[in-house]
N, C-alpha and C. Protein backbone atom coordinates (compact mmCIF):
# COMPACT_ATOMS: atom_id res chain seq x y z
N UNK A 1 0.50 -1.18 -0.07
CA UNK A 1 0.17 0.07 0.39
C UNK A 1 0.77 1.36 0.03
N UNK A 2 0.47 2.03 -1.13
CA UNK A 2 1.33 3.82 -0.47
C UNK A 2 0.80 4.25 0.58
N UNK A 3 1.66 5.12 0.54
CA UNK A 3 1.47 6.23 1.11
C UNK A 3 0.19 7.25 1.02
N UNK A 4 -0.23 7.19 -0.05
CA UNK A 4 -2.36 7.92 0.05
C UNK A 4 -2.83 6.62 0.74
N UNK A 5 -2.43 5.66 -0.03
CA UNK A 5 -3.49 4.48 0.49
C UNK A 5 -3.26 4.47 2.06
N UNK A 6 -2.14 4.32 2.47
CA UNK A 6 -2.24 4.66 3.66
C UNK A 6 -2.62 5.69 4.89
N UNK A 7 -3.15 6.66 4.28
CA UNK A 7 -3.70 7.63 4.50
C UNK A 7 -4.74 7.16 4.74
N UNK A 8 -5.29 7.36 3.34
CA UNK A 8 -6.86 6.74 3.95
C UNK A 8 -7.54 5.86 4.51
N UNK A 9 -6.17 4.45 4.49
CA UNK A 9 -7.38 4.03 5.28
C UNK A 9 -7.23 4.49 6.61
N UNK A 10 -6.33 5.11 7.38
CA UNK A 10 -6.23 5.56 8.52
C UNK A 10 -7.70 6.54 8.91
N UNK A 11 -8.73 7.19 7.92
CA UNK A 11 -9.38 8.08 7.94
C UNK A 11 -10.25 7.04 7.80
N UNK A 12 -10.93 5.91 6.68
CA UNK A 12 -11.56 5.46 7.16
C UNK A 12 -11.76 4.65 7.96
N UNK A 13 -10.86 4.41 8.46
CA UNK A 13 -10.54 3.61 10.25
C UNK A 13 -11.09 4.73 11.13
N UNK A 14 -10.94 6.14 11.55
CA UNK A 14 -12.04 6.47 11.95
C UNK A 14 -12.81 7.01 11.58
N UNK A 15 -13.34 6.53 10.16
CA UNK A 15 -14.87 7.07 10.52
C UNK A 15 -15.73 5.82 10.94
N UNK A 16 -15.30 4.44 10.35
CA UNK A 16 -16.21 3.04 10.94
C UNK A 16 -15.68 3.33 12.73
N UNK A 17 -14.84 3.98 13.43
CA UNK A 17 -14.95 4.10 14.99
C UNK A 17 -15.81 4.86 15.16
N UNK A 18 -16.54 5.80 14.26
CA UNK A 18 -17.15 6.50 13.97
C UNK A 18 -18.35 6.85 14.31
N UNK A 19 -18.78 6.00 13.77
CA UNK A 19 -20.10 5.43 12.84
C UNK A 19 -20.28 3.65 14.38
N UNK A 20 -19.42 2.85 14.47
CA UNK A 20 -19.59 2.50 15.50
C UNK A 20 -19.82 2.85 17.25
N UNK A 21 -19.10 4.06 16.94
CA UNK A 21 -19.60 4.50 18.56
C UNK A 21 -21.02 4.92 18.32
N UNK A 22 -21.66 5.51 17.14
CA UNK A 22 -22.77 6.46 17.41
C UNK A 22 -23.85 4.78 17.36
N UNK A 23 -23.20 3.84 17.03
CA UNK A 23 -24.29 2.34 16.97
C UNK A 23 -24.41 2.15 18.04
N UNK A 24 -23.42 2.17 18.73
CA UNK A 24 -23.17 1.35 20.23
C UNK A 24 -24.45 3.27 21.43
N UNK A 25 -24.59 4.13 20.55
CA UNK A 25 -25.40 4.67 20.97
C UNK A 25 -24.62 6.04 22.07
N UNK A 26 -23.50 6.10 21.43
CA UNK A 26 -22.62 7.33 22.39
C UNK A 26 -22.94 8.95 21.60
N UNK A 27 -22.29 9.71 21.40
CA UNK A 27 -22.10 10.41 20.99
C UNK A 27 -20.68 11.45 20.79
N UNK A 28 -20.21 10.10 19.95
CA UNK A 28 -18.87 10.88 19.78
C UNK A 28 -18.95 11.94 18.80
N UNK A 29 -17.42 12.90 18.56
CA UNK A 29 -17.97 14.00 18.12
C UNK A 29 -17.15 13.62 16.45
N UNK A 30 -17.90 13.99 15.50
CA UNK A 30 -17.50 13.75 14.36
C UNK A 30 -15.67 14.30 13.56
N UNK A 31 -14.81 13.56 13.66
CA UNK A 31 -13.61 12.86 13.17
C UNK A 31 -13.51 13.78 11.65
N UNK A 32 -13.74 15.97 11.44
CA UNK A 32 -14.01 16.15 10.51
C UNK A 32 -12.37 15.98 9.66
N UNK A 33 -11.07 15.56 10.65
CA UNK A 33 -10.23 15.98 9.56
C UNK A 33 -9.98 14.25 8.90
N UNK A 34 -10.23 13.71 9.41
CA UNK A 34 -10.36 12.19 8.29
C UNK A 34 -11.43 12.99 6.79
N UNK A 35 -12.28 14.12 6.75
CA UNK A 35 -13.14 14.28 5.47
C UNK A 35 -11.62 15.53 4.89
N UNK A 36 -10.79 15.76 5.94
CA UNK A 36 -9.47 17.21 5.26
C UNK A 36 -8.76 15.83 4.77
N UNK A 37 -8.23 14.60 5.11
CA UNK A 37 -7.31 14.38 4.96
C UNK A 37 -8.12 13.32 3.37
N UNK A 38 -8.72 13.05 3.05
CA UNK A 38 -9.55 12.07 2.27
C UNK A 38 -9.54 13.41 1.09
N UNK A 39 -9.60 14.61 1.20
CA UNK A 39 -9.35 15.60 0.27
C UNK A 39 -8.39 16.51 -0.32
N UNK A 40 -7.27 16.32 1.01
CA UNK A 40 -5.75 16.51 0.63
C UNK A 40 -5.16 15.25 0.33
N UNK A 41 -5.68 14.25 -0.06
CA UNK A 41 -5.38 12.78 -0.28
C UNK A 41 -6.18 13.03 -2.28
N UNK A 42 -7.11 13.15 -2.53
CA UNK A 42 -7.92 13.85 -3.72
C UNK A 42 -6.30 14.59 -4.61
N UNK A 43 -6.27 15.22 -4.15
CA UNK A 43 -5.53 16.66 -4.62
C UNK A 43 -3.56 16.26 -4.74
N UNK A 44 -3.69 14.96 -3.98
CA UNK A 44 -2.25 14.25 -4.25
C UNK A 44 -2.21 13.62 -5.55
N UNK A 45 -3.51 12.85 -5.40
CA UNK A 45 -2.98 11.83 -6.84
C UNK A 45 -3.19 13.03 -8.28
N UNK A 46 -4.79 13.84 -7.15
CA UNK A 46 -4.47 15.21 -8.63
C UNK A 46 -3.32 15.36 -9.62
N UNK A 47 -2.84 15.93 -8.09
CA UNK A 47 -1.50 16.58 -8.91
C UNK A 47 0.32 15.72 -9.15
N UNK A 48 -0.18 14.18 -8.79
CA UNK A 48 1.06 13.49 -8.74
C UNK A 48 0.45 12.40 -10.87
N UNK A 49 -0.94 12.87 -11.29
CA UNK A 49 -1.10 11.80 -12.58
C UNK A 49 -0.13 12.29 -13.18
N UNK A 50 0.64 11.70 -14.22
CA UNK A 50 1.06 12.07 -15.57
C UNK A 50 0.38 13.41 -16.48
N UNK A 51 0.55 13.97 -16.55
CA UNK A 51 -0.63 15.07 -18.07
C UNK A 51 0.56 14.86 -18.87
N UNK A 52 -0.50 14.95 -19.68
CA UNK A 52 -0.55 14.62 -20.78
C UNK A 52 -0.06 16.33 -21.81
N UNK A 53 1.49 15.52 -22.24
CA UNK A 53 2.49 17.41 -22.93
C UNK A 53 2.75 16.86 -23.73
N UNK A 54 3.00 17.85 -24.49
CA UNK A 54 4.09 17.54 -25.97
C UNK A 54 5.36 17.26 -25.58
N UNK A 55 5.80 16.41 -26.26
CA UNK A 55 7.41 16.06 -25.51
C UNK A 55 8.68 16.49 -26.81
N UNK A 56 8.02 16.87 -27.39
CA UNK A 56 9.01 16.98 -28.70
C UNK A 56 8.85 18.23 -29.40
N UNK A 57 9.21 19.40 -30.04
CA UNK A 57 8.96 20.13 -30.95
C UNK A 57 8.27 19.65 -32.45
N UNK A 58 8.50 18.76 -33.03
CA UNK A 58 7.72 18.38 -33.76
C UNK A 58 6.26 17.41 -33.05
N UNK A 59 5.96 17.47 -32.28
CA UNK A 59 4.70 16.95 -31.95
C UNK A 59 3.72 18.61 -31.79
N UNK A 60 4.17 19.43 -31.74
CA UNK A 60 3.10 20.14 -32.34
C UNK A 60 2.74 20.77 -33.45
N UNK A 61 1.73 21.02 -33.10
CA UNK A 61 0.76 21.48 -34.38
C UNK A 61 1.17 22.80 -34.86
N UNK A 62 1.00 22.58 -36.39
CA UNK A 62 0.69 24.15 -36.52
C UNK A 62 -0.62 24.65 -37.11
N UNK A 63 -0.99 25.69 -36.61
CA UNK A 63 -2.48 26.34 -36.61
C UNK A 63 -2.30 27.09 -37.83
N UNK A 64 -1.00 28.03 -38.11
CA UNK A 64 -1.12 29.37 -39.69
C UNK A 64 -1.25 28.54 -40.43
N UNK A 65 -1.97 29.43 -41.15
CA UNK A 65 -2.31 28.70 -42.77
C UNK A 65 -1.53 28.73 -43.11
N UNK A 66 -1.03 27.97 -44.24
CA UNK A 66 0.01 27.98 -45.08
C UNK A 66 -0.10 28.45 -46.69
N UNK A 67 0.88 29.60 -47.00
CA UNK A 67 1.39 30.62 -48.01
C UNK A 67 2.12 29.59 -48.70
N UNK A 68 1.54 30.06 -50.25
CA UNK A 68 1.41 28.45 -51.55
C UNK A 68 2.85 29.82 -52.06
């Protein structure tokens, strides 16, 4: 499991513990940090995703009109 996966697992476990406490009749405080952590993980995955980029100058598309 990668780092982001471990962080997601921590957040899921916190939310499961919260739900278990609710089901047991408790009144726990909602772990807002878990939602925040999931959002940060989403941003990190998006930033780490490979971007589609042109690698060579020959990959460019010339949109200028051609003069005969």
